[in-house]
Amino acid sequence: MYKYDAIDRQLINERVEQFRDQVRRWQSGELTNDEFRPLRLQNGLYVQRHAPMFRIAVPYGMLNSAQLRKLAFVARTYDRDYGHFTTRHNLQLNWPKIEDVPDILAHLAEVEMHAIQTSGNCIRNVTTDQFAGVAADEVIDPRPLAEILRQWSTFHPEFAFLPRKFKIAISGTREDRAVTWFHDIGLHLQEQDGESGKTIGFRVIVGGGLGRTPIRGQIVREFLPWQHILTYSEAILRVYNRFGRRDNAYKARIKILVQALGVEEFARLVEEEWAHLKDGPATLTQAEYDRVAVNFAAPAYEKLGEVELPAEKAFAKWVDRNTHPHKVAGYAAVTLSLKPHGIAPGDITSDQMDAVADLADRYSFGELRISHEQNVILADVKQSDLYEVWQKAKAAGLAMPNIGLLTGIICCPGGDFCDLANAKSIPIATAIQARFDDLDYLFDIGEIDLNISGCMNACGHHHVGHIGVLGVDKNDSEFYQVTLGGRQGNDAKLGKVIGPSFAADEMPDVVDKIIKVYIENRHADERFLDTLDRIGIDPFKNRVYEGRAHGKAKAAQKEAA
């Protein structure tokens, strides 16, 4: 993974001291709350419902064991002994004191971490596939280019005050696992045959996003040579910065601009702007790529054969759900589930962080990954070590075999923490997990993504869940809207709302009815989405709302009498 050079270290250390002085000035009254607000947001510091919330960047999801141990120390020392991994490759602390944040930043700087651009109307943390560099279906490792994009966008003076926040995702695999279709810029690395051999470049997608107005992005360039990714991205951002709405926060995202102009006109404006930038100083060279790429060289893999694993049922189920094919024979990528039943999805204790760091050192070259599904990955585990890893992960409470299953829920912190939330998310997640606590039943149901958001900002990615749940405010009460059919991947699609919202205590029954319709109608080996696509949404809708119309009719008759 990328290692800081002298310039990086100087930049981060100076940033720490700058914010320390800003906090001092705020405490002394030299800065008003309004003056301090943009300064703290630029350092990932929010003020939430009950306490400050501090967001720490995990660029493109990469961590080493020393960094994770430092996060454990910070959570133990300055917070309530746990952190929360988000869908954007960040770690959030929900209870720090504002006056402690400069010290936290200083500790993070010691292990080459920061909170820069984890908030504010700027280019946020660049994200990618959690299996980048090891995936069996990988065409090109996206991490060097993700790092180059990170370095280019950090403190970029032209893009520090955009109309709204701006998110970039990059995928280098045949199957998109980075939700690229729903980012402001989505990038697909690909190879193209040319006269002198294969050329590497990007499919460029613009104008995707979830939130209040969910939109799947559109292709503005089918193939862009990799050398031009910075200049072309700069052209996109310049067009957005120039024409993006600043009078209405809800209409300020680039997706609204693309829709308003039309993708053809937007692409024309980008090409026009790019004409001033193409082949300029920001054009990437092979030397610059190599300077960064050396940090992502493959570790010292051993030459291994395939291993016959123990036949123990519980272990076999864990291997089936929690391991992923590796491009090197004899290795596997292991997903440690942060979705044990009864715990807020994505939460990890300080002790668990230390345990994962130990596992990374012992079994995965000291490195690990964070996924946008809010889990932790050991990317380079020998197959012969899987049984030991499983046992140790189980002892740490990290071996729930529910990856890709109904209870492996993506969930934002919701109304328990967030000022913006209309409703709580965590209690809904834990109630559904409690209803579906039979692992054999979960395995029989098969692959289902259930995503929960506490408001229209969609931090839980509910729009792309096979089953999506959105918290809404209804007459000052918490209700939940349900969507079906969303999905990420190459055929990314937004879910459809099935009808009126439900009370919190109805949600486990609603999900149960949806699952029963699927089981009753599925063909052999048919996944939930396959059945839904084949029979349509109406059978699910009819089952969920059966009895409601009859109940309303009876109530109307009683009122008329």
Protein backbone atom coordinates (compact mmCIF):
# COMPACT_ATOMS: atom_id res chain seq x y z
CA MET A 1 0.00 0.00 0.00
CA TYR A 2 1.03 3.60 -0.47
CA LYS A 3 3.70 4.97 1.88
CA TYR A 4 4.07 8.66 2.67
CA ASP A 5 7.09 10.53 1.38
CA ALA A 6 8.63 13.61 3.04
CA ILE A 7 6.18 15.95 1.34
CA ASP A 8 3.18 13.90 2.50
CA ARG A 9 4.42 13.85 6.09
CA GLN A 10 5.09 17.59 6.14
CA LEU A 11 1.67 18.32 4.66
CA ILE A 12 -0.21 16.19 7.18
CA ASN A 13 1.76 17.41 10.20
CA GLU A 14 1.24 21.05 9.22
CA ARG A 15 -2.45 20.35 8.78
CA VAL A 16 -2.64 18.98 12.33
CA GLU A 17 -1.07 22.09 13.81
CA GLN A 18 -3.24 24.34 11.67
CA PHE A 19 -6.39 22.70 13.03
CA ARG A 20 -5.03 22.75 16.58
CA ASP A 21 -4.74 26.54 16.28
CA GLN A 22 -8.23 26.78 14.78
CA VAL A 23 -9.70 24.85 17.72
CA ARG A 24 -7.80 27.10 20.15
CA ARG A 25 -9.17 30.22 18.46
CA TRP A 26 -12.70 28.81 18.53
CA GLN A 27 -12.43 27.93 22.24
CA SER A 28 -11.14 31.44 23.03
CA GLY A 29 -13.96 33.11 21.11
CA GLU A 30 -11.77 34.42 18.30
CA LEU A 31 -13.77 32.30 15.88
CA THR A 32 -17.56 32.15 15.99
CA ASN A 33 -19.39 28.84 15.57
CA ASP A 34 -20.29 29.85 12.01
CA GLU A 35 -16.65 30.69 11.22
CA PHE A 36 -15.42 27.46 12.79
CA ARG A 37 -17.95 25.23 11.07
CA PRO A 38 -16.31 25.03 7.61
CA LEU A 39 -12.90 24.60 9.24
CA ARG A 40 -13.97 21.62 11.32
CA LEU A 41 -15.88 20.08 8.40
CA GLN A 42 -12.71 20.23 6.30
CA ASN A 43 -11.17 18.04 9.00
CA GLY A 44 -14.01 15.51 9.12
CA LEU A 45 -15.61 16.87 12.30
CA TYR A 46 -19.40 17.09 12.49
CA VAL A 47 -21.74 17.97 15.33
CA GLN A 48 -24.42 15.28 15.47
CA ARG A 49 -27.55 14.62 17.48
CA HIS A 50 -25.87 13.82 20.81
CA ALA A 51 -22.17 14.57 20.33
CA PRO A 52 -19.52 15.42 17.73
CA MET A 53 -18.85 12.81 15.06
CA PHE A 54 -15.35 12.45 13.62
CA ARG A 55 -14.79 10.78 10.25
CA ILE A 56 -11.38 9.27 9.45
CA ALA A 57 -10.36 8.50 5.86
CA VAL A 58 -9.37 5.02 4.75
CA PRO A 59 -8.33 5.82 1.16
CA TYR A 60 -9.71 3.24 -1.31
CA GLY A 61 -10.27 0.98 1.71
CA MET A 62 -6.61 0.09 2.39
CA LEU A 63 -5.22 -0.25 5.94
CA ASN A 64 -2.18 -1.85 7.49
CA SER A 65 -2.07 -3.48 10.91
CA ALA A 66 -0.27 -0.54 12.56
CA GLN A 67 -2.98 1.83 11.33
CA LEU A 68 -5.77 -0.39 12.63
CA ARG A 69 -4.07 -0.66 16.03
CA LYS A 70 -3.85 3.13 16.09
CA LEU A 71 -7.57 3.36 15.34
CA ALA A 72 -8.17 0.96 18.23
CA PHE A 73 -6.05 3.15 20.51
CA VAL A 74 -7.92 6.29 19.44
CA ALA A 75 -11.34 4.69 19.93
CA ARG A 76 -10.31 3.36 23.33
CA THR A 77 -8.71 6.61 24.51
CA TYR A 78 -10.91 9.31 23.02
CA ASP A 79 -14.25 7.66 22.32
CA ARG A 80 -16.43 4.84 23.68
CA ASP A 81 -14.18 1.94 22.72
CA TYR A 82 -15.59 1.31 19.25
CA GLY A 83 -15.77 2.73 15.75
CA HIS A 84 -18.15 2.46 12.82
CA PHE A 85 -17.05 1.61 9.28
CA THR A 86 -19.17 3.39 6.69
CA THR A 87 -20.15 2.67 3.09
CA ARG A 88 -17.53 5.22 1.95
CA HIS A 89 -14.32 3.60 3.27
CA ASN A 90 -14.24 5.76 6.40
CA LEU A 91 -14.18 5.06 10.12
CA GLN A 92 -16.52 7.19 12.22
CA LEU A 93 -16.17 7.93 15.92
CA ASN A 94 -19.50 8.97 17.39
CA TRP A 95 -18.48 10.44 20.75
CA PRO A 96 -15.17 12.39 20.60
CA LYS A 97 -14.71 15.77 22.26
CA ILE A 98 -13.97 18.60 19.84
CA GLU A 99 -11.00 19.74 21.92
CA ASP A 100 -9.46 16.26 21.61
CA VAL A 101 -9.59 16.10 17.82
CA PRO A 102 -6.21 17.84 17.23
CA ASP A 103 -4.57 15.19 19.44
CA ILE A 104 -6.42 12.45 17.55
CA LEU A 105 -5.19 13.88 14.26
CA ALA A 106 -1.63 13.93 15.61
CA HIS A 107 -1.91 10.24 16.55
CA LEU A 108 -3.28 9.41 13.11
CA ALA A 109 -0.45 11.30 11.40
CA GLU A 110 2.04 9.01 13.15
CA VAL A 111 0.68 6.11 11.05
CA GLU A 112 0.05 8.07 7.83
CA MET A 113 -3.68 8.66 8.33
CA HIS A 114 -5.86 11.78 8.32
CA ALA A 115 -9.43 13.08 8.08
CA ILE A 116 -8.91 15.45 5.16
CA GLN A 117 -11.86 15.83 2.79
CA THR A 118 -14.05 13.32 4.59
CA SER A 119 -16.61 16.12 4.71
CA GLY A 120 -17.41 19.39 3.00
CA ASN A 121 -18.20 20.37 -0.59
CA CYS A 122 -15.03 18.91 -2.03
CA ILE A 123 -13.76 15.72 -3.65
CA ARG A 124 -14.28 13.03 -1.03
CA ASN A 125 -12.48 9.76 -0.35
CA VAL A 126 -11.82 7.82 -3.59
CA THR A 127 -13.25 4.30 -3.31
CA THR A 128 -12.75 1.02 -5.14
CA ASP A 129 -13.27 -2.75 -4.97
CA GLN A 130 -12.30 -4.32 -1.64
CA PHE A 131 -10.58 -7.13 -3.56
CA ALA A 132 -8.48 -4.79 -5.70
CA GLY A 133 -5.13 -6.35 -6.56
CA VAL A 134 -6.17 -9.91 -5.68
CA ALA A 135 -9.52 -10.51 -7.42
CA ALA A 136 -9.58 -13.42 -9.84
CA ASP A 137 -11.70 -11.38 -12.28
CA GLU A 138 -9.42 -8.34 -12.20
CA VAL A 139 -8.33 -6.83 -15.51
CA ILE A 140 -6.16 -4.04 -14.06
CA ASP A 141 -5.28 -3.19 -10.45
CA PRO A 142 -7.06 0.14 -9.80
CA ARG A 143 -5.17 1.06 -6.61
CA PRO A 144 -2.23 3.00 -8.16
CA LEU A 145 -4.65 5.14 -10.16
CA ALA A 146 -6.92 5.55 -7.14
CA GLU A 147 -3.91 6.85 -5.21
CA ILE A 148 -2.97 9.19 -8.04
CA LEU A 149 -6.55 10.54 -8.03
CA ARG A 150 -6.33 10.95 -4.26
CA GLN A 151 -3.09 12.92 -4.43
CA TRP A 152 -4.42 15.11 -7.26
CA SER A 153 -7.69 15.89 -5.48
CA THR A 154 -6.29 16.51 -1.98
CA PHE A 155 -6.27 20.27 -1.28
CA HIS A 156 -6.93 21.01 -4.94
CA PRO A 157 -7.61 24.77 -4.62
CA GLU A 158 -10.06 24.92 -7.51
CA PHE A 159 -12.29 22.21 -6.08
CA ALA A 160 -12.29 22.97 -2.34
CA PHE A 161 -15.68 24.73 -2.48
CA LEU A 162 -17.77 22.88 -5.03
CA PRO A 163 -21.55 23.29 -5.22
CA ARG A 164 -21.82 20.04 -3.19
CA LYS A 165 -19.76 17.02 -2.17
CA PHE A 166 -18.21 15.00 -5.00
CA LYS A 167 -17.48 11.27 -5.01
CA ILE A 168 -15.32 9.15 -7.32
CA ALA A 169 -15.25 5.34 -7.55
CA ILE A 170 -12.97 3.21 -9.70
CA SER A 171 -13.27 -0.46 -10.69
CA GLY A 172 -10.67 -2.66 -12.37
CA THR A 173 -12.62 -5.93 -12.50
CA ARG A 174 -15.00 -7.62 -14.92
CA GLU A 175 -17.75 -7.44 -12.30
CA ASP A 176 -18.18 -3.99 -10.79
CA ARG A 177 -18.05 -4.19 -6.98
CA ALA A 178 -17.44 -0.47 -6.40
CA VAL A 179 -20.99 0.84 -7.14
CA THR A 180 -19.47 3.00 -9.87
CA TRP A 181 -22.81 3.63 -11.61
CA PHE A 182 -24.00 5.63 -8.60
CA HIS A 183 -21.07 8.02 -8.13
CA ASP A 184 -20.48 11.55 -9.39
CA ILE A 185 -17.69 10.04 -11.49
CA GLY A 186 -17.51 6.29 -12.00
CA LEU A 187 -14.45 4.80 -13.71
CA HIS A 188 -14.13 1.36 -15.30
CA LEU A 189 -10.58 0.35 -16.11
CA GLN A 190 -10.41 -1.68 -19.30
CA GLU A 191 -8.12 -2.82 -22.09
CA GLN A 192 -8.58 -1.98 -25.75
CA ASP A 193 -6.83 -3.60 -28.69
CA GLY A 194 -4.78 -1.17 -30.76
CA GLU A 195 -2.23 -1.19 -33.57
CA SER A 196 0.66 -1.48 -31.10
CA GLY A 197 -1.04 -3.91 -28.73
CA LYS A 198 -3.38 -3.44 -25.81
CA THR A 199 -4.09 0.04 -24.50
CA ILE A 200 -5.32 0.68 -20.95
CA GLY A 201 -8.00 3.25 -20.36
CA PHE A 202 -11.24 4.15 -18.65
CA ARG A 203 -14.92 4.07 -19.40
CA VAL A 204 -16.05 7.34 -17.80
CA ILE A 205 -19.47 7.54 -16.15
CA VAL A 206 -20.85 10.83 -14.85
CA GLY A 207 -23.90 11.95 -12.91
CA GLY A 208 -24.74 8.94 -10.82
CA GLY A 209 -25.83 9.17 -7.22
CA LEU A 210 -28.30 8.03 -4.60
CA GLY A 211 -29.79 10.39 -2.03
CA ARG A 212 -32.95 12.42 -2.55
CA THR A 213 -32.84 12.02 -6.33
CA PRO A 214 -31.34 8.60 -7.13
CA ILE A 215 -29.95 8.40 -10.65
CA ARG A 216 -27.84 5.83 -12.47
CA GLY A 217 -24.86 7.52 -14.09
CA GLN A 218 -24.37 7.86 -17.84
CA ILE A 219 -21.35 7.18 -20.02
CA VAL A 220 -19.67 10.35 -21.31
CA ARG A 221 -16.64 8.59 -22.77
CA GLU A 222 -16.45 4.94 -23.71
CA PHE A 223 -12.65 4.87 -23.66
CA LEU A 224 -10.20 7.42 -22.24
CA PRO A 225 -6.47 6.53 -22.26
CA TRP A 226 -5.25 6.32 -18.67
CA GLN A 227 -2.72 9.12 -19.14
CA HIS A 228 -5.58 11.64 -19.41
CA ILE A 229 -7.62 10.70 -16.35
CA LEU A 230 -6.58 13.76 -14.31
CA THR A 231 -7.11 16.30 -17.07
CA TYR A 232 -10.44 14.78 -18.11
CA SER A 233 -11.64 14.64 -14.49
CA GLU A 234 -10.59 18.25 -14.10
CA ALA A 235 -12.64 19.16 -17.17
CA ILE A 236 -15.70 17.43 -15.66
CA LEU A 237 -15.25 19.24 -12.38
CA ARG A 238 -14.75 22.61 -14.05
CA VAL A 239 -18.02 22.22 -15.94
CA TYR A 240 -19.75 21.23 -12.72
CA ASN A 241 -18.15 24.06 -10.75
CA ARG A 242 -19.24 26.55 -13.39
CA PHE A 243 -22.81 25.41 -14.04
CA GLY A 244 -23.78 23.47 -10.89
CA ARG A 245 -26.62 24.89 -8.79
CA ARG A 246 -25.52 26.82 -5.71
CA ASP A 247 -28.92 28.26 -4.82
CA ASN A 248 -30.46 24.96 -3.71
CA ALA A 249 -28.51 22.29 -1.80
CA TYR A 250 -30.93 19.58 -2.95
CA LYS A 251 -30.26 20.40 -6.60
CA ALA A 252 -26.54 21.10 -6.34
CA ARG A 253 -25.16 17.63 -7.17
CA ILE A 254 -23.66 16.96 -10.59
CA LYS A 255 -26.38 14.39 -11.32
CA ILE A 256 -28.95 17.21 -11.42
CA LEU A 257 -26.77 19.23 -13.80
CA VAL A 258 -26.30 16.25 -16.15
CA GLN A 259 -30.05 15.65 -16.18
CA ALA A 260 -30.81 19.34 -16.78
CA LEU A 261 -28.33 19.72 -19.66
CA GLY A 262 -28.68 16.24 -21.10
CA VAL A 263 -25.72 13.90 -21.23
CA GLU A 264 -24.82 14.83 -24.82
CA GLU A 265 -24.61 18.53 -24.03
CA PHE A 266 -22.76 17.86 -20.78
CA ALA A 267 -20.24 15.69 -22.64
CA ARG A 268 -19.82 18.43 -25.27
CA LEU A 269 -19.03 21.00 -22.57
CA VAL A 270 -16.52 18.62 -20.98
CA GLU A 271 -14.78 18.00 -24.31
CA GLU A 272 -14.67 21.75 -24.93
CA GLU A 273 -13.08 22.34 -21.52
CA TRP A 274 -10.74 19.37 -21.93
CA ALA A 275 -9.34 20.91 -25.11
CA HIS A 276 -7.61 23.48 -22.86
CA LEU A 277 -6.21 20.80 -20.56
CA LYS A 278 -5.39 17.80 -22.73
CA ASP A 279 -1.66 17.02 -22.92
CA GLY A 280 -0.98 19.72 -20.32
CA PRO A 281 1.13 19.44 -17.14
CA ALA A 282 -1.41 17.14 -15.40
CA THR A 283 -1.11 14.49 -18.11
CA LEU A 284 0.18 11.33 -16.46
CA THR A 285 3.49 9.83 -17.47
CA GLN A 286 4.66 6.28 -17.12
CA ALA A 287 7.30 7.49 -14.65
CA GLU A 288 4.66 9.04 -12.39
CA TYR A 289 2.52 5.92 -12.58
CA ASP A 290 5.53 3.75 -11.72
CA ARG A 291 6.43 6.02 -8.77
CA VAL A 292 3.07 5.27 -7.20
CA ALA A 293 2.57 1.72 -8.46
CA VAL A 294 5.72 0.43 -6.76
CA ASN A 295 3.85 0.77 -3.46
CA PHE A 296 1.30 -1.78 -4.66
CA ALA A 297 3.67 -4.52 -5.73
CA ALA A 298 2.44 -8.02 -4.98
CA PRO A 299 3.61 -9.45 -1.64
CA ALA A 300 5.93 -12.45 -1.43
CA TYR A 301 3.38 -15.12 -2.36
CA GLU A 302 4.49 -18.71 -1.96
CA LYS A 303 4.01 -21.27 -4.70
CA LEU A 304 1.11 -23.28 -3.35
CA GLY A 305 -1.28 -25.90 -4.58
CA GLU A 306 -4.97 -26.21 -3.84
CA VAL A 307 -5.73 -27.45 -0.33
CA GLU A 308 -8.37 -29.93 0.81
CA LEU A 309 -10.21 -28.14 3.62
CA PRO A 310 -11.76 -29.76 6.70
CA ALA A 311 -15.32 -30.95 6.12
CA GLU A 312 -16.70 -29.51 9.38
CA LYS A 313 -20.14 -28.11 8.53
CA ALA A 314 -19.87 -24.73 10.28
CA PHE A 315 -16.44 -24.12 8.79
CA ALA A 316 -17.60 -25.15 5.31
CA LYS A 317 -20.50 -22.69 5.50
CA TRP A 318 -18.10 -19.92 6.55
CA VAL A 319 -15.74 -20.72 3.67
CA ASP A 320 -18.68 -20.69 1.26
CA ARG A 321 -19.97 -17.29 2.40
CA ASN A 322 -16.89 -15.46 3.74
CA THR A 323 -14.08 -16.30 1.32
CA HIS A 324 -13.53 -14.97 -2.19
CA PRO A 325 -11.46 -16.39 -5.07
CA HIS A 326 -7.87 -15.12 -5.27
CA LYS A 327 -5.84 -14.66 -8.44
CA VAL A 328 -2.93 -16.60 -6.91
CA ALA A 329 -3.35 -20.36 -6.51
CA GLY A 330 -3.48 -21.54 -2.91
CA TYR A 331 -4.71 -18.20 -1.49
CA ALA A 332 -8.12 -16.75 -0.66
CA ALA A 333 -9.52 -13.37 0.38
CA VAL A 334 -11.39 -13.59 3.70
CA THR A 335 -14.23 -11.29 4.72
CA LEU A 336 -14.59 -10.79 8.47
CA SER A 337 -18.23 -10.01 9.11
CA LEU A 338 -19.10 -6.88 11.08
CA LYS A 339 -22.74 -8.03 11.01
CA PRO A 340 -23.19 -10.28 14.06
CA HIS A 341 -26.84 -10.39 15.02
CA GLY A 342 -27.81 -7.82 17.64
CA ILE A 343 -24.92 -5.40 16.97
CA ALA A 344 -25.14 -2.26 14.86
CA PRO A 345 -23.92 -3.22 11.35
CA GLY A 346 -20.44 -1.85 10.67
CA ASP A 347 -19.50 -1.37 14.32
CA ILE A 348 -16.17 -2.76 15.54
CA THR A 349 -14.75 -2.60 19.07
CA SER A 350 -11.20 -1.58 19.94
CA ASP A 351 -10.42 -5.15 21.01
CA GLN A 352 -11.73 -6.46 17.70
CA MET A 353 -9.56 -3.97 15.82
CA ASP A 354 -6.53 -5.26 17.68
CA ALA A 355 -7.58 -8.85 16.96
CA VAL A 356 -7.95 -8.10 13.23
CA ALA A 357 -4.54 -6.40 13.19
CA ASP A 358 -3.06 -9.57 14.73
CA LEU A 359 -4.77 -11.70 12.07
CA ALA A 360 -3.44 -9.42 9.33
CA ASP A 361 0.13 -9.70 10.66
CA ARG A 362 -0.06 -13.45 11.07
CA TYR A 363 -1.97 -14.42 7.94
CA SER A 364 -2.19 -11.58 5.39
CA PHE A 365 1.13 -9.71 5.04
CA GLY A 366 0.06 -7.10 7.60
CA GLU A 367 -2.59 -5.55 5.34
CA LEU A 368 -6.38 -5.46 5.29
CA ARG A 369 -9.25 -3.80 3.47
CA ILE A 370 -12.58 -2.17 4.28
CA SER A 371 -15.57 -2.82 2.02
CA HIS A 372 -18.46 -0.50 1.26
CA GLU A 373 -20.59 -3.33 2.68
CA GLN A 374 -19.03 -2.33 6.05
CA ASN A 375 -16.91 -5.45 6.55
CA VAL A 376 -13.16 -6.08 6.95
CA ILE A 377 -11.13 -8.15 4.48
CA LEU A 378 -7.90 -10.10 4.85
CA ALA A 379 -6.92 -10.19 1.20
CA ASP A 380 -4.05 -12.69 1.11
CA VAL A 381 -4.74 -15.74 3.29
CA LYS A 382 -3.26 -19.12 2.49
CA GLN A 383 -5.98 -21.71 2.03
CA SER A 384 -4.07 -23.91 4.45
CA ASP A 385 -4.53 -21.20 7.13
CA LEU A 386 -8.27 -20.75 6.65
CA TYR A 387 -9.30 -23.07 9.46
CA GLU A 388 -7.05 -21.25 11.97
CA VAL A 389 -8.29 -17.86 10.76
CA TRP A 390 -11.88 -19.03 11.14
CA GLN A 391 -11.30 -20.21 14.70
CA LYS A 392 -9.61 -16.96 15.73
CA ALA A 393 -12.18 -14.82 13.95
CA LYS A 394 -14.93 -16.76 15.69
CA ALA A 395 -13.31 -16.12 19.07
CA ALA A 396 -13.29 -12.39 18.27
CA GLY A 397 -16.94 -12.36 17.18
CA LEU A 398 -16.03 -11.76 13.52
CA ALA A 399 -16.96 -15.04 11.84
CA MET A 400 -20.69 -14.70 11.22
CA PRO A 401 -21.20 -16.58 7.91
CA ASN A 402 -23.73 -14.11 6.54
CA ILE A 403 -21.81 -12.30 3.80
CA GLY A 404 -24.27 -11.73 0.95
CA LEU A 405 -27.16 -13.11 3.00
CA LEU A 406 -30.22 -11.39 4.41
CA THR A 407 -28.72 -10.45 7.79
CA GLY A 408 -25.46 -9.10 6.35
CA ILE A 409 -27.26 -5.77 6.36
CA ILE A 410 -25.79 -2.48 5.14
CA CYS A 411 -27.03 0.13 7.57
CA CYS A 412 -26.31 3.78 8.34
CA PRO A 413 -26.20 5.01 11.99
CA GLY A 414 -29.62 6.60 11.47
CA GLY A 415 -31.61 8.50 14.07
CA ASP A 416 -29.64 7.08 16.98
CA PHE A 417 -26.80 9.44 16.02
CA CYS A 418 -27.45 11.52 12.92
CA ASP A 419 -29.13 14.94 12.92
CA LEU A 420 -30.30 14.44 9.35
CA ALA A 421 -32.08 11.14 9.93
CA ASN A 422 -35.87 10.91 9.84
CA ALA A 423 -35.89 7.55 11.60
CA LYS A 424 -33.69 5.04 13.37
CA SER A 425 -31.93 2.40 11.30
CA ILE A 426 -30.10 0.22 13.80
CA PRO A 427 -33.19 -1.07 15.69
CA ILE A 428 -34.77 -2.11 12.38
CA ALA A 429 -31.61 -3.99 11.39
CA THR A 430 -31.35 -5.79 14.72
CA ALA A 431 -35.08 -6.66 14.71
CA ILE A 432 -34.77 -8.23 11.24
CA GLN A 433 -31.65 -10.10 12.31
CA ALA A 434 -33.51 -11.43 15.34
CA ARG A 435 -36.36 -12.67 13.13
CA PHE A 436 -33.96 -14.44 10.76
CA ASP A 437 -31.57 -15.90 13.31
CA ASP A 438 -31.66 -19.46 11.93
CA LEU A 439 -28.50 -19.86 9.86
CA ASP A 440 -29.80 -22.91 8.00
CA TYR A 441 -32.82 -20.87 6.91
CA LEU A 442 -30.55 -18.00 5.81
CA PHE A 443 -28.47 -20.38 3.71
CA ASP A 444 -31.64 -21.79 2.15
CA ILE A 445 -32.91 -18.30 1.29
CA GLY A 446 -29.60 -17.54 -0.42
CA GLU A 447 -28.21 -14.27 -1.71
CA ILE A 448 -30.16 -11.18 -0.69
CA ASP A 449 -28.84 -7.67 -0.06
CA LEU A 450 -30.88 -5.79 2.55
CA ASN A 451 -29.90 -2.11 2.88
CA ILE A 452 -31.29 0.40 5.39
CA SER A 453 -31.05 4.20 5.40
CA GLY A 454 -32.44 6.52 8.05
CA CYS A 455 -33.13 9.34 5.58
CA MET A 456 -33.09 10.30 1.91
CA ASN A 457 -29.33 10.96 1.99
CA ALA A 458 -29.08 7.19 1.48
CA CYS A 459 -25.90 6.52 3.46
CA GLY A 460 -27.13 2.93 3.74
CA HIS A 461 -27.44 2.63 -0.07
CA HIS A 462 -31.05 1.47 0.29
CA HIS A 463 -31.78 2.27 -3.36
CA VAL A 464 -29.47 -0.54 -4.55
CA GLY A 465 -30.49 -3.16 -2.00
CA HIS A 466 -32.42 -6.14 -3.31
CA ILE A 467 -34.66 -5.13 -0.44
CA GLY A 468 -34.26 -1.47 0.49
CA VAL A 469 -35.60 0.20 3.62
CA LEU A 470 -35.84 3.98 3.99
CA GLY A 471 -36.77 5.76 7.22
CA VAL A 472 -39.35 8.52 6.69
CA ASP A 473 -41.05 11.03 8.96
CA LYS A 474 -44.84 10.62 8.99
CA ASN A 475 -46.78 12.93 11.31
CA ASP A 476 -43.75 13.14 13.63
CA SER A 477 -43.54 9.34 13.81
CA GLU A 478 -40.93 6.98 12.36
CA PHE A 479 -42.11 4.94 9.37
CA TYR A 480 -40.28 2.88 6.75
CA GLN A 481 -40.65 2.77 2.98
CA VAL A 482 -39.68 -0.45 1.18
CA THR A 483 -38.14 -0.85 -2.28
CA LEU A 484 -37.50 -4.06 -4.20
CA GLY A 485 -35.19 -4.95 -7.07
CA GLY A 486 -32.25 -2.62 -6.53
CA ARG A 487 -28.81 -3.97 -7.30
CA GLN A 488 -25.19 -2.98 -7.75
CA GLY A 489 -22.78 -4.52 -10.23
CA ASN A 490 -22.61 -4.34 -14.00
CA ASP A 491 -26.41 -4.29 -14.29
CA ALA A 492 -26.82 -1.73 -11.50
CA LYS A 493 -30.43 -0.71 -10.99
CA LEU A 494 -32.54 1.34 -8.60
CA GLY A 495 -35.17 -0.43 -6.55
CA LYS A 496 -38.89 0.37 -6.92
CA VAL A 497 -41.07 1.57 -4.04
CA ILE A 498 -43.76 -1.05 -3.36
CA GLY A 499 -46.28 1.26 -1.70
CA PRO A 500 -47.12 3.11 1.54
CA SER A 501 -44.68 3.02 4.43
CA PHE A 502 -44.78 0.77 7.51
CA ALA A 503 -44.44 1.29 11.24
CA ALA A 504 -41.20 0.13 12.85
CA ASP A 505 -42.78 -2.89 14.56
CA GLU A 506 -44.17 -4.11 11.20
CA MET A 507 -40.81 -4.34 9.46
CA PRO A 508 -39.77 -7.88 10.48
CA ASP A 509 -43.17 -9.15 9.27
CA VAL A 510 -42.87 -7.20 6.02
CA VAL A 511 -39.48 -8.73 5.25
CA ASP A 512 -40.76 -12.17 6.28
CA LYS A 513 -43.68 -11.91 3.82
CA ILE A 514 -41.34 -10.82 1.02
CA ILE A 515 -39.09 -13.80 1.66
CA LYS A 516 -42.03 -16.24 1.75
CA VAL A 517 -43.30 -15.02 -1.64
CA TYR A 518 -39.83 -15.63 -3.03
CA ILE A 519 -39.56 -19.14 -1.56
CA GLU A 520 -43.03 -20.09 -2.80
CA ASN A 521 -42.33 -18.94 -6.36
CA ARG A 522 -38.64 -19.62 -6.97
CA HIS A 523 -37.42 -22.18 -9.46
CA ALA A 524 -34.53 -24.49 -8.64
CA ASP A 525 -31.29 -22.56 -8.00
CA GLU A 526 -33.07 -19.26 -8.67
CA ARG A 527 -31.86 -16.26 -6.67
CA PHE A 528 -34.19 -13.69 -5.13
CA LEU A 529 -33.55 -11.18 -7.92
CA ASP A 530 -34.15 -13.82 -10.59
CA THR A 531 -37.55 -14.64 -9.12
CA LEU A 532 -38.44 -10.99 -8.66
CA ASP A 533 -37.50 -10.16 -12.24
CA ARG A 534 -39.50 -13.13 -13.53
CA ILE A 535 -42.76 -12.71 -11.59
CA GLY A 536 -42.65 -8.95 -11.07
CA ILE A 537 -43.29 -6.84 -8.00
CA ASP A 538 -47.06 -7.36 -7.68
CA PRO A 539 -47.05 -10.75 -5.87
CA PHE A 540 -44.72 -9.30 -3.23
CA LYS A 541 -46.76 -6.13 -2.95
CA ASN A 542 -50.06 -8.00 -2.67
CA ARG A 543 -48.74 -10.24 0.12
CA VAL A 544 -47.25 -7.39 2.10
CA TYR A 545 -50.39 -5.26 1.98
CA GLU A 546 -53.00 -8.03 2.25
CA GLY A 547 -55.44 -7.22 5.02
CA ARG A 548 -54.59 -3.52 4.96
CA ALA A 549 -57.32 -2.59 2.49
CA HIS A 550 -59.86 -4.72 4.37
CA GLY A 551 -58.85 -3.08 7.64
CA LYS A 552 -59.20 0.41 6.17
CA ALA A 553 -62.63 -0.44 4.71
CA LYS A 554 -63.89 -1.67 8.07
CA ALA A 555 -62.58 1.47 9.76
CA ALA A 556 -64.34 3.65 7.18
CA GLN A 557 -67.62 1.76 7.67
CA LYS A 558 -67.37 2.16 11.43
CA GLU A 559 -66.71 5.90 11.09
CA ALA A 560 -69.67 6.31 8.68
CA ALA A 561 -71.99 4.48 11.09
